[in-house]
């Protein structure tokens, strides 16, 4: 039951929120990149350069945190299968099935 709730929360709420945040960070990065390339004013270029750096940092942090959440969900909360990683109660276990 907990695994099902966990999957619904991650799939239903967190995925769209993270997708929107990453898209906004990418748009912010691209707008600052365009401003930096097209502006002749050094003040605007300086502001755009810092915006580019913040956009890259935010994208890196978002992707890293999301990857960590997925790893924790898959390996520690068994988010995808809801089953134990090894079969239990079966003495006739095929080693090839465990590897795959």
PDB file of N, CA and C in Angstrom:
ATOM      1  N   UNK A   1       0.825  -1.191   0.000  1.00  0.00           N
ATOM      2  CA  UNK A   1       0.000   0.000   0.000  1.00  0.00           C
ATOM      3  C   UNK A   1       0.871   1.258   0.000  1.00  0.00           C
ATOM      4  N   UNK A   2       1.935   1.270   0.827  1.00  0.00           N
ATOM      5  CA  UNK A   2       2.812   2.438   0.887  1.00  0.00           C
ATOM      6  C   UNK A   2       3.532   2.668  -0.430  1.00  0.00           C
ATOM      7  N   UNK A   3       3.908   1.577  -1.087  1.00  0.00           N
ATOM      8  CA  UNK A   3       4.605   1.706  -2.364  1.00  0.00           C
ATOM      9  C   UNK A   3       3.672   2.313  -3.401  1.00  0.00           C
ATOM     10  N   UNK A   4       2.421   1.922  -3.407  1.00  0.00           N
ATOM     11  CA  UNK A   4       1.456   2.458  -4.353  1.00  0.00           C
ATOM     12  C   UNK A   4       1.240   3.945  -4.114  1.00  0.00           C
ATOM     13  N   UNK A   5       1.135   4.349  -2.870  1.00  0.00           N
ATOM     14  CA  UNK A   5       0.981   5.763  -2.555  1.00  0.00           C
ATOM     15  C   UNK A   5       2.229   6.529  -2.981  1.00  0.00           C
ATOM     16  N   UNK A   6       3.390   5.959  -2.721  1.00  0.00           N
ATOM     17  CA  UNK A   6       4.645   6.592  -3.095  1.00  0.00           C
ATOM     18  C   UNK A   6       4.730   6.782  -4.601  1.00  0.00           C
ATOM     19  N   UNK A   7       4.362   5.767  -5.380  1.00  0.00           N
ATOM     20  CA  UNK A   7       4.388   5.875  -6.834  1.00  0.00           C
ATOM     21  C   UNK A   7       3.398   6.921  -7.326  1.00  0.00           C
ATOM     22  N   UNK A   8       2.222   6.993  -6.719  1.00  0.00           N
ATOM     23  CA  UNK A   8       1.232   7.979  -7.137  1.00  0.00           C
ATOM     24  C   UNK A   8       1.704   9.395  -6.841  1.00  0.00           C
ATOM     25  N   UNK A   9       2.344   9.582  -5.700  1.00  0.00           N
ATOM     26  CA  UNK A   9       2.842  10.912  -5.352  1.00  0.00           C
ATOM     27  C   UNK A   9       3.936  11.330  -6.318  1.00  0.00           C
ATOM     28  N   UNK A  10       4.883  10.438  -6.553  1.00  0.00           N
ATOM     29  CA  UNK A  10       6.003  10.792  -7.424  1.00  0.00           C
ATOM     30  C   UNK A  10       5.533  10.958  -8.860  1.00  0.00           C
ATOM     31  N   UNK A  11       4.724  10.038  -9.349  1.00  0.00           N
ATOM     32  CA  UNK A  11       4.293  10.104 -10.743  1.00  0.00           C
ATOM     33  C   UNK A  11       3.256  11.201 -10.968  1.00  0.00           C
ATOM     34  N   UNK A  12       2.369  11.399 -10.018  1.00  0.00           N
ATOM     35  CA  UNK A  12       1.268  12.324 -10.228  1.00  0.00           C
ATOM     36  C   UNK A  12       1.550  13.761  -9.877  1.00  0.00           C
ATOM     37  N   UNK A  13       2.395  13.989  -8.889  1.00  0.00           N
ATOM     38  CA  UNK A  13       2.618  15.356  -8.422  1.00  0.00           C
ATOM     39  C   UNK A  13       4.035  15.828  -8.717  1.00  0.00           C
ATOM     40  N   UNK A  14       5.019  15.047  -8.334  1.00  0.00           N
ATOM     41  CA  UNK A  14       6.399  15.506  -8.412  1.00  0.00           C
ATOM     42  C   UNK A  14       6.915  15.589  -9.847  1.00  0.00           C
ATOM     43  N   UNK A  15       6.585  14.621 -10.694  1.00  0.00           N
ATOM     44  CA  UNK A  15       7.076  14.647 -12.074  1.00  0.00           C
ATOM     45  C   UNK A  15       6.650  15.901 -12.827  1.00  0.00           C
ATOM     46  N   UNK A  16       5.377  16.284 -12.812  1.00  0.00           N
ATOM     47  CA  UNK A  16       5.001  17.514 -13.522  1.00  0.00           C
ATOM     48  C   UNK A  16       5.639  18.772 -12.926  1.00  0.00           C
ATOM     49  N   UNK A  17       5.773  18.820 -11.611  1.00  0.00           N
ATOM     50  CA  UNK A  17       6.388  19.992 -10.982  1.00  0.00           C
ATOM     51  C   UNK A  17       7.852  20.112 -11.387  1.00  0.00           C
ATOM     52  N   UNK A  18       8.579  19.014 -11.339  1.00  0.00           N
ATOM     53  CA  UNK A  18       9.989  19.041 -11.728  1.00  0.00           C
ATOM     54  C   UNK A  18      10.128  19.381 -13.199  1.00  0.00           C
ATOM     55  N   UNK A  19       9.265  18.841 -14.037  1.00  0.00           N
ATOM     56  CA  UNK A  19       9.313  19.147 -15.463  1.00  0.00           C
ATOM     57  C   UNK A  19       9.096  20.636 -15.710  1.00  0.00           C
ATOM     58  N   UNK A  20       8.140  21.217 -15.038  1.00  0.00           N
ATOM     59  CA  UNK A  20       7.873  22.646 -15.200  1.00  0.00           C
ATOM     60  C   UNK A  20       9.051  23.477 -14.703  1.00  0.00           C
ATOM     61  N   UNK A  21       9.630  23.118 -13.563  1.00  0.00           N
ATOM     62  CA  UNK A  21      10.773  23.861 -13.031  1.00  0.00           C
ATOM     63  C   UNK A  21      11.988  23.778 -13.951  1.00  0.00           C
ATOM     64  N   UNK A  22      12.244  22.608 -14.511  1.00  0.00           N
ATOM     65  CA  UNK A  22      13.369  22.462 -15.430  1.00  0.00           C
ATOM     66  C   UNK A  22      13.115  23.262 -16.703  1.00  0.00           C
ATOM     67  N   UNK A  23      11.890  23.255 -17.196  1.00  0.00           N
ATOM     68  CA  UNK A  23      11.570  24.051 -18.386  1.00  0.00           C
ATOM     69  C   UNK A  23      11.745  25.542 -18.113  1.00  0.00           C
ATOM     70  N   UNK A  24      11.299  26.011 -16.948  1.00  0.00           N
ATOM     71  CA  UNK A  24      11.471  27.425 -16.602  1.00  0.00           C
ATOM     72  C   UNK A  24      12.947  27.795 -16.481  1.00  0.00           C
ATOM     73  N   UNK A  25      13.742  26.924 -15.886  1.00  0.00           N
ATOM     74  CA  UNK A  25      15.175  27.190 -15.776  1.00  0.00           C
ATOM     75  C   UNK A  25      15.831  27.216 -17.148  1.00  0.00           C
ATOM     76  N   UNK A  26      15.410  26.343 -18.035  1.00  0.00           N
ATOM     77  CA  UNK A  26      15.958  26.327 -19.387  1.00  0.00           C
ATOM     78  C   UNK A  26      15.572  27.594 -20.153  1.00  0.00           C
ATOM     79  N   UNK A  27      14.334  28.036 -20.007  1.00  0.00           N
ATOM     80  CA  UNK A  27      13.899  29.281 -20.644  1.00  0.00           C
ATOM     81  C   UNK A  27      14.679  30.463 -20.078  1.00  0.00           C
ATOM     82  N   UNK A  28      14.854  30.507 -18.760  1.00  0.00           N
ATOM     83  CA  UNK A  28      15.632  31.562 -18.114  1.00  0.00           C
ATOM     84  C   UNK A  28      17.059  31.579 -18.649  1.00  0.00           C
ATOM     85  N   UNK A  29      17.660  30.410 -18.782  1.00  0.00           N
ATOM     86  CA  UNK A  29      19.005  30.298 -19.322  1.00  0.00           C
ATOM     87  C   UNK A  29      19.063  30.806 -20.760  1.00  0.00           C
ATOM     88  N   UNK A  30      18.115  30.392 -21.598  1.00  0.00           N
ATOM     89  CA  UNK A  30      18.126  30.791 -23.004  1.00  0.00           C
ATOM     90  C   UNK A  30      17.876  32.289 -23.185  1.00  0.00           C
ATOM     91  N   UNK A  31      16.990  32.868 -22.383  1.00  0.00           N
ATOM     92  CA  UNK A  31      16.740  34.312 -22.461  1.00  0.00           C
ATOM     93  C   UNK A  31      18.001  35.081 -22.091  1.00  0.00           C
ATOM     94  N   UNK A  32      18.682  34.661 -21.024  1.00  0.00           N
ATOM     95  CA  UNK A  32      19.919  35.335 -20.629  1.00  0.00           C
ATOM     96  C   UNK A  32      21.021  35.134 -21.660  1.00  0.00           C
ATOM     97  N   UNK A  33      21.066  33.960 -22.280  1.00  0.00           N
ATOM     98  CA  UNK A  33      22.060  33.717 -23.324  1.00  0.00           C
ATOM     99  C   UNK A  33      21.807  34.636 -24.516  1.00  0.00           C
ATOM    100  N   UNK A  34      20.544  34.775 -24.906  1.00  0.00           N
ATOM    101  CA  UNK A  34      20.191  35.659 -26.015  1.00  0.00           C
ATOM    102  C   UNK A  34      20.512  37.115 -25.672  1.00  0.00           C
ATOM    103  N   UNK A  35      20.198  37.520 -24.466  1.00  0.00           N
ATOM    104  CA  UNK A  35      20.505  38.883 -24.031  1.00  0.00           C
ATOM    105  C   UNK A  35      22.009  39.126 -24.035  1.00  0.00           C
ATOM    106  N   UNK A  36      22.755  38.163 -23.575  1.00  0.00           N
ATOM    107  CA  UNK A  36      24.212  38.305 -23.540  1.00  0.00           C
ATOM    108  C   UNK A  36      24.790  38.429 -24.950  1.00  0.00           C
ATOM    109  N   UNK A  37      24.278  37.657 -25.887  1.00  0.00           N
ATOM    110  CA  UNK A  37      24.821  37.663 -27.245  1.00  0.00           C
ATOM    111  C   UNK A  37      24.389  38.881 -28.066  1.00  0.00           C
ATOM    112  N   UNK A  38      23.213  39.410 -27.803  1.00  0.00           N
ATOM    113  CA  UNK A  38      22.694  40.497 -28.634  1.00  0.00           C
ATOM    114  C   UNK A  38      22.897  41.876 -28.037  1.00  0.00           C
ATOM    115  N   UNK A  39      23.218  41.989 -26.778  1.00  0.00           N
ATOM    116  CA  UNK A  39      23.328  43.285 -26.139  1.00  0.00           C
ATOM    117  C   UNK A  39      24.713  43.896 -26.360  1.00  0.00           C
ATOM    118  N   UNK A  40      24.718  45.214 -26.576  1.00  0.00           N
ATOM    119  CA  UNK A  40      25.987  45.929 -26.716  1.00  0.00           C
ATOM    120  C   UNK A  40      26.379  46.597 -25.410  1.00  0.00           C
ATOM    121  N   UNK A  41      25.436  46.710 -24.503  1.00  0.00           N
ATOM    122  CA  UNK A  41      25.691  47.360 -23.212  1.00  0.00           C
ATOM    123  C   UNK A  41      26.404  46.389 -22.274  1.00  0.00           C
ATOM    124  N   UNK A  42      27.507  46.826 -21.680  1.00  0.00           N
ATOM    125  CA  UNK A  42      28.281  45.930 -20.813  1.00  0.00           C
ATOM    126  C   UNK A  42      27.540  45.607 -19.520  1.00  0.00           C
ATOM    127  N   UNK A  43      26.682  46.514 -19.027  1.00  0.00           N
ATOM    128  CA  UNK A  43      25.899  46.257 -17.815  1.00  0.00           C
ATOM    129  C   UNK A  43      24.889  45.129 -18.065  1.00  0.00           C
ATOM    130  N   UNK A  44      24.211  45.193 -19.224  1.00  0.00           N
ATOM    131  CA  UNK A  44      23.248  44.138 -19.557  1.00  0.00           C
ATOM    132  C   UNK A  44      23.964  42.804 -19.781  1.00  0.00           C
ATOM    133  N   UNK A  45      25.128  42.839 -20.398  1.00  0.00           N
ATOM    134  CA  UNK A  45      25.895  41.611 -20.602  1.00  0.00           C
ATOM    135  C   UNK A  45      26.343  41.012 -19.275  1.00  0.00           C
ATOM    136  N   UNK A  46      26.732  41.865 -18.333  1.00  0.00           N
ATOM    137  CA  UNK A  46      27.151  41.381 -17.019  1.00  0.00           C
ATOM    138  C   UNK A  46      25.982  40.731 -16.275  1.00  0.00           C
ATOM    139  N   UNK A  47      24.819  41.384 -16.333  1.00  0.00           N
ATOM    140  CA  UNK A  47      23.628  40.805 -15.694  1.00  0.00           C
ATOM    141  C   UNK A  47      23.226  39.492 -16.364  1.00  0.00           C
ATOM    142  N   UNK A  48      23.318  39.457 -17.699  1.00  0.00           N
ATOM    143  CA  UNK A  48      22.960  38.235 -18.424  1.00  0.00           C
ATOM    144  C   UNK A  48      23.951  37.117 -18.122  1.00  0.00           C
ATOM    145  N   UNK A  49      25.216  37.448 -17.958  1.00  0.00           N
ATOM    146  CA  UNK A  49      26.222  36.433 -17.637  1.00  0.00           C
ATOM    147  C   UNK A  49      25.941  35.793 -16.280  1.00  0.00           C
ATOM    148  N   UNK A  50      25.581  36.620 -15.298  1.00  0.00           N
ATOM    149  CA  UNK A  50      25.247  36.039 -13.988  1.00  0.00           C
ATOM    150  C   UNK A  50      23.957  35.219 -14.079  1.00  0.00           C
ATOM    151  N   UNK A  51      23.010  35.644 -14.910  1.00  0.00           N
ATOM    152  CA  UNK A  51      21.790  34.854 -15.116  1.00  0.00           C
ATOM    153  C   UNK A  51      22.076  33.520 -15.769  1.00  0.00           C
ATOM    154  N   UNK A  52      23.025  33.491 -16.703  1.00  0.00           N
ATOM    155  CA  UNK A  52      23.427  32.242 -17.341  1.00  0.00           C
ATOM    156  C   UNK A  52      24.013  31.287 -16.310  1.00  0.00           C
ATOM    157  N   UNK A  53      24.866  31.821 -15.466  1.00  0.00           N
ATOM    158  CA  UNK A  53      25.491  30.984 -14.426  1.00  0.00           C
ATOM    159  C   UNK A  53      24.444  30.437 -13.468  1.00  0.00           C
ATOM    160  N   UNK A  54      23.509  31.288 -13.024  1.00  0.00           N
ATOM    161  CA  UNK A  54      22.449  30.824 -12.123  1.00  0.00           C
ATOM    162  C   UNK A  54      21.559  29.782 -12.800  1.00  0.00           C
ATOM    163  N   UNK A  55      21.283  29.971 -14.082  1.00  0.00           N
ATOM    164  CA  UNK A  55      20.471  28.998 -14.817  1.00  0.00           C
ATOM    165  C   UNK A  55      21.147  27.645 -14.902  1.00  0.00           C
ATOM    166  N   UNK A  56      22.442  27.638 -15.177  1.00  0.00           N
ATOM    167  CA  UNK A  56      23.185  26.373 -15.257  1.00  0.00           C
ATOM    168  C   UNK A  56      23.222  25.695 -13.888  1.00  0.00           C
ATOM    169  N   UNK A  57      23.458  26.478 -12.846  1.00  0.00           N
ATOM    170  CA  UNK A  57      23.501  25.902 -11.488  1.00  0.00           C
ATOM    171  C   UNK A  57      22.143  25.308 -11.123  1.00  0.00           C
ATOM    172  N   UNK A  58      21.070  26.029 -11.418  1.00  0.00           N
ATOM    173  CA  UNK A  58      19.735  25.532 -11.084  1.00  0.00           C
ATOM    174  C   UNK A  58      19.410  24.261 -11.861  1.00  0.00           C
ATOM    175  N   UNK A  59      19.744  24.232 -13.153  1.00  0.00           N
ATOM    176  CA  UNK A  59      19.501  23.019 -13.938  1.00  0.00           C
ATOM    177  C   UNK A  59      20.285  21.841 -13.382  1.00  0.00           C
ATOM    178  N   UNK A  60      21.543  22.052 -13.036  1.00  0.00           N
ATOM    179  CA  UNK A  60      22.363  20.982 -12.480  1.00  0.00           C
ATOM    180  C   UNK A  60      21.797  20.470 -11.161  1.00  0.00           C
ATOM    181  N   UNK A  61      21.414  21.382 -10.288  1.00  0.00           N
ATOM    182  CA  UNK A  61      20.867  20.981  -8.978  1.00  0.00           C
ATOM    183  C   UNK A  61      19.554  20.229  -9.154  1.00  0.00           C
ATOM    184  N   UNK A  62      18.667  20.720 -10.026  1.00  0.00           N
ATOM    185  CA  UNK A  62      17.372  20.056 -10.223  1.00  0.00           C
ATOM    186  C   UNK A  62      17.537  18.642 -10.767  1.00  0.00           C
ATOM    187  N   UNK A  63      18.392  18.489 -11.763  1.00  0.00           N
ATOM    188  CA  UNK A  63      18.588  17.163 -12.350  1.00  0.00           C
ATOM    189  C   UNK A  63      19.267  16.230 -11.349  1.00  0.00           C
ATOM    190  N   UNK A  64      20.219  16.735 -10.582  1.00  0.00           N
ATOM    191  CA  UNK A  64      20.913  15.908  -9.593  1.00  0.00           C
ATOM    192  C   UNK A  64      19.971  15.455  -8.480  1.00  0.00           C
ATOM    193  N   UNK A  65      19.181  16.363  -7.969  1.00  0.00           N
ATOM    194  CA  UNK A  65      18.236  16.008  -6.899  1.00  0.00           C
ATOM    195  C   UNK A  65      17.190  15.027  -7.418  1.00  0.00           C
ATOM    196  N   UNK A  66      16.698  15.247  -8.629  1.00  0.00           N
ATOM    197  CA  UNK A  66      15.697  14.334  -9.176  1.00  0.00           C
ATOM    198  C   UNK A  66      16.275  12.948  -9.395  1.00  0.00           C
ATOM    199  N   UNK A  67      17.531  12.872  -9.834  1.00  0.00           N
ATOM    200  CA  UNK A  67      18.180  11.567 -10.000  1.00  0.00           C
ATOM    201  C   UNK A  67      18.342  10.878  -8.641  1.00  0.00           C
ATOM    202  N   UNK A  68      18.709  11.633  -7.626  1.00  0.00           N
ATOM    203  CA  UNK A  68      18.854  11.053  -6.286  1.00  0.00           C
ATOM    204  C   UNK A  68      17.507  10.544  -5.764  1.00  0.00           C
ATOM    205  N   UNK A  69      16.451  11.287  -5.984  1.00  0.00           N
ATOM    206  CA  UNK A  69      15.118  10.843  -5.553  1.00  0.00           C
ATOM    207  C   UNK A  69      14.728   9.557  -6.270  1.00  0.00           C
ATOM    208  N   UNK A  70      14.998   9.466  -7.565  1.00  0.00           N
ATOM    209  CA  UNK A  70      14.657   8.253  -8.305  1.00  0.00           C
ATOM    210  C   UNK A  70      15.477   7.059  -7.837  1.00  0.00           C
ATOM    211  N   UNK A  71      16.752   7.257  -7.547  1.00  0.00           N
ATOM    212  CA  UNK A  71      17.589   6.157  -7.048  1.00  0.00           C
ATOM    213  C   UNK A  71      17.088   5.693  -5.688  1.00  0.00           C
ATOM    214  N   UNK A  72      16.810   6.631  -4.799  1.00  0.00           N
ATOM    215  CA  UNK A  72      16.293   6.250  -3.478  1.00  0.00           C
ATOM    216  C   UNK A  72      14.955   5.538  -3.592  1.00  0.00           C
ATOM    217  N   UNK A  73      14.099   6.019  -4.474  1.00  0.00           N
ATOM    218  CA  UNK A  73      12.790   5.392  -4.654  1.00  0.00           C
ATOM    219  C   UNK A  73      12.924   3.984  -5.213  1.00  0.00           C
ATOM    220  N   UNK A  74      13.801   3.803  -6.172  1.00  0.00           N
ATOM    221  CA  UNK A  74      13.915   2.493  -6.813  1.00  0.00           C
ATOM    222  C   UNK A  74      14.569   1.462  -5.920  1.00  0.00           C
ATOM    223  N   UNK A  75      15.662   1.825  -5.247  1.00  0.00           N
ATOM    224  CA  UNK A  75      16.433   0.825  -4.526  1.00  0.00           C
ATOM    225  C   UNK A  75      16.071   0.693  -3.053  1.00  0.00           C
ATOM    226  N   UNK A  76      15.580   1.747  -2.433  1.00  0.00           N
ATOM    227  CA  UNK A  76      15.284   1.653  -1.016  1.00  0.00           C
ATOM    228  C   UNK A  76      13.791   1.561  -0.721  1.00  0.00           C
ATOM    229  N   UNK A  77      12.977   2.135  -1.558  1.00  0.00           N
ATOM    230  CA  UNK A  77      11.531   2.074  -1.341  1.00  0.00           C
ATOM    231  C   UNK A  77      10.848   1.105  -2.295  1.00  0.00           C
ATOM    232  N   UNK A  78      11.633   0.484  -3.185  1.00  0.00           N
ATOM    233  CA  UNK A  78      11.113  -0.457  -4.177  1.00  0.00           C
ATOM    234  C   UNK A  78       9.949   0.156  -4.934  1.00  0.00           C
ATOM    235  N   UNK A  79      10.151   1.336  -5.448  1.00  0.00           N
ATOM    236  CA  UNK A  79       9.081   2.107  -6.072  1.00  0.00           C
ATOM    237  C   UNK A  79       8.514   1.515  -7.340  1.00  0.00           C
ATOM    238  N   UNK A  80       9.282   0.764  -8.112  1.00  0.00           N
ATOM    239  CA  UNK A  80       8.769   0.302  -9.396  1.00  0.00           C
ATOM    240  C   UNK A  80       8.095  -1.050  -9.332  1.00  0.00           C
ATOM    241  N   UNK A  81       8.554  -1.929  -8.476  1.00  0.00           N
ATOM    242  CA  UNK A  81       8.002  -3.278  -8.509  1.00  0.00           C
ATOM    243  C   UNK A  81       7.147  -3.603  -7.293  1.00  0.00           C
ATOM    244  N   UNK A  82       7.499  -3.109  -6.147  1.00  0.00           N
ATOM    245  CA  UNK A  82       6.772  -3.444  -4.930  1.00  0.00           C
ATOM    246  C   UNK A  82       7.064  -4.846  -4.442  1.00  0.00           C
ATOM    247  N   UNK A  83       8.072  -5.501  -5.010  1.00  0.00           N
ATOM    248  CA  UNK A  83       8.426  -6.853  -4.627  1.00  0.00           C
ATOM    249  C   UNK A  83       9.827  -6.858  -4.052  1.00  0.00           C
ATOM    250  N   UNK A  84      10.104  -7.909  -3.290  1.00  0.00           N
ATOM    251  CA  UNK A  84      11.455  -8.081  -2.771  1.00  0.00           C
ATOM    252  C   UNK A  84      12.400  -8.340  -3.933  1.00  0.00           C
ATOM    253  N   UNK A  85      13.665  -7.928  -3.808  1.00  0.00           N
ATOM    254  CA  UNK A  85      14.579  -8.102  -4.930  1.00  0.00           C
ATOM    255  C   UNK A  85      14.906  -9.551  -5.247  1.00  0.00           C
ATOM    256  N   UNK A  86      14.725 -10.455  -4.303  1.00  0.00           N
ATOM    257  CA  UNK A  86      15.012 -11.872  -4.530  1.00  0.00           C
ATOM    258  C   UNK A  86      13.765 -12.681  -4.242  1.00  0.00           C
ATOM    259  N   UNK A  87      13.554 -13.769  -4.988  1.00  0.00           N
ATOM    260  CA  UNK A  87      12.394 -14.618  -4.712  1.00  0.00           C
ATOM    261  C   UNK A  87      12.529 -15.277  -3.339  1.00  0.00           C
ATOM    262  N   UNK A  88      11.434 -15.425  -2.665  1.00  0.00           N
ATOM    263  CA  UNK A  88      11.483 -16.058  -1.346  1.00  0.00           C
ATOM    264  C   UNK A  88      10.614 -17.311  -1.351  1.00  0.00           C
ATOM    265  N   UNK A  89      11.031 -18.299  -0.602  1.00  0.00           N
ATOM    266  CA  UNK A  89      10.262 -19.522  -0.454  1.00  0.00           C
ATOM    267  C   UNK A  89      10.360 -20.453  -1.636  1.00  0.00           C
ATOM    268  N   UNK A  90      11.321 -20.281  -2.507  1.00  0.00           N
ATOM    269  CA  UNK A  90      11.460 -21.138  -3.662  1.00  0.00           C
ATOM    270  C   UNK A  90      12.889 -21.667  -3.688  1.00  0.00           C
ATOM    271  N   UNK A  91      13.022 -23.003  -3.519  1.00  0.00           N
ATOM    272  CA  UNK A  91      14.352 -23.608  -3.514  1.00  0.00           C
ATOM    273  C   UNK A  91      14.897 -23.826  -4.917  1.00  0.00           C
ATOM    274  N   UNK A  92      14.047 -23.816  -5.921  1.00  0.00           N
ATOM    275  CA  UNK A  92      14.474 -24.057  -7.295  1.00  0.00           C
ATOM    276  C   UNK A  92      14.678 -22.726  -8.025  1.00  0.00           C
ATOM    277  N   UNK A  93      15.591 -21.931  -7.535  1.00  0.00           N
ATOM    278  CA  UNK A  93      15.855 -20.625  -8.128  1.00  0.00           C
ATOM    279  C   UNK A  93      16.890 -20.767  -9.234  1.00  0.00           C
ATOM    280  N   UNK A  94      16.562 -20.222 -10.399  1.00  0.00           N
ATOM    281  CA  UNK A  94      17.484 -20.229 -11.509  1.00  0.00           C
ATOM    282  C   UNK A  94      18.398 -19.020 -11.386  1.00  0.00           C
ATOM    283  N   UNK A  95      19.723 -19.250 -11.417  1.00  0.00           N
ATOM    284  CA  UNK A  95      20.682 -18.166 -11.234  1.00  0.00           C
ATOM    285  C   UNK A  95      20.565 -17.140 -12.349  1.00  0.00           C
ATOM    286  N   UNK A  96      20.279 -17.563 -13.555  1.00  0.00           N
ATOM    287  CA  UNK A  96      20.141 -16.625 -14.682  1.00  0.00           C
ATOM    288  C   UNK A  96      18.968 -15.668 -14.483  1.00  0.00           C
ATOM    289  N   UNK A  97      17.905 -16.101 -13.844  1.00  0.00           N
ATOM    290  CA  UNK A  97      16.769 -15.231 -13.568  1.00  0.00           C
ATOM    291  C   UNK A  97      17.155 -14.158 -12.554  1.00  0.00           C
ATOM    292  N   UNK A  98      18.023 -14.491 -11.602  1.00  0.00           N
ATOM    293  CA  UNK A  98      18.451 -13.500 -10.618  1.00  0.00           C
ATOM    294  C   UNK A  98      19.345 -12.439 -11.237  1.00  0.00           C
ATOM    295  N   UNK A  99      20.163 -12.832 -12.200  1.00  0.00           N
ATOM    296  CA  UNK A  99      21.065 -11.884 -12.841  1.00  0.00           C
ATOM    297  C   UNK A  99      20.285 -10.924 -13.716  1.00  0.00           C
ATOM    298  N   UNK A 100      19.304 -11.415 -14.437  1.00  0.00           N
ATOM    299  CA  UNK A 100      18.518 -10.575 -15.331  1.00  0.00           C
ATOM    300  C   UNK A 100      17.472  -9.899 -14.510  1.00  0.00           C
TER     301      UNK A 100
END
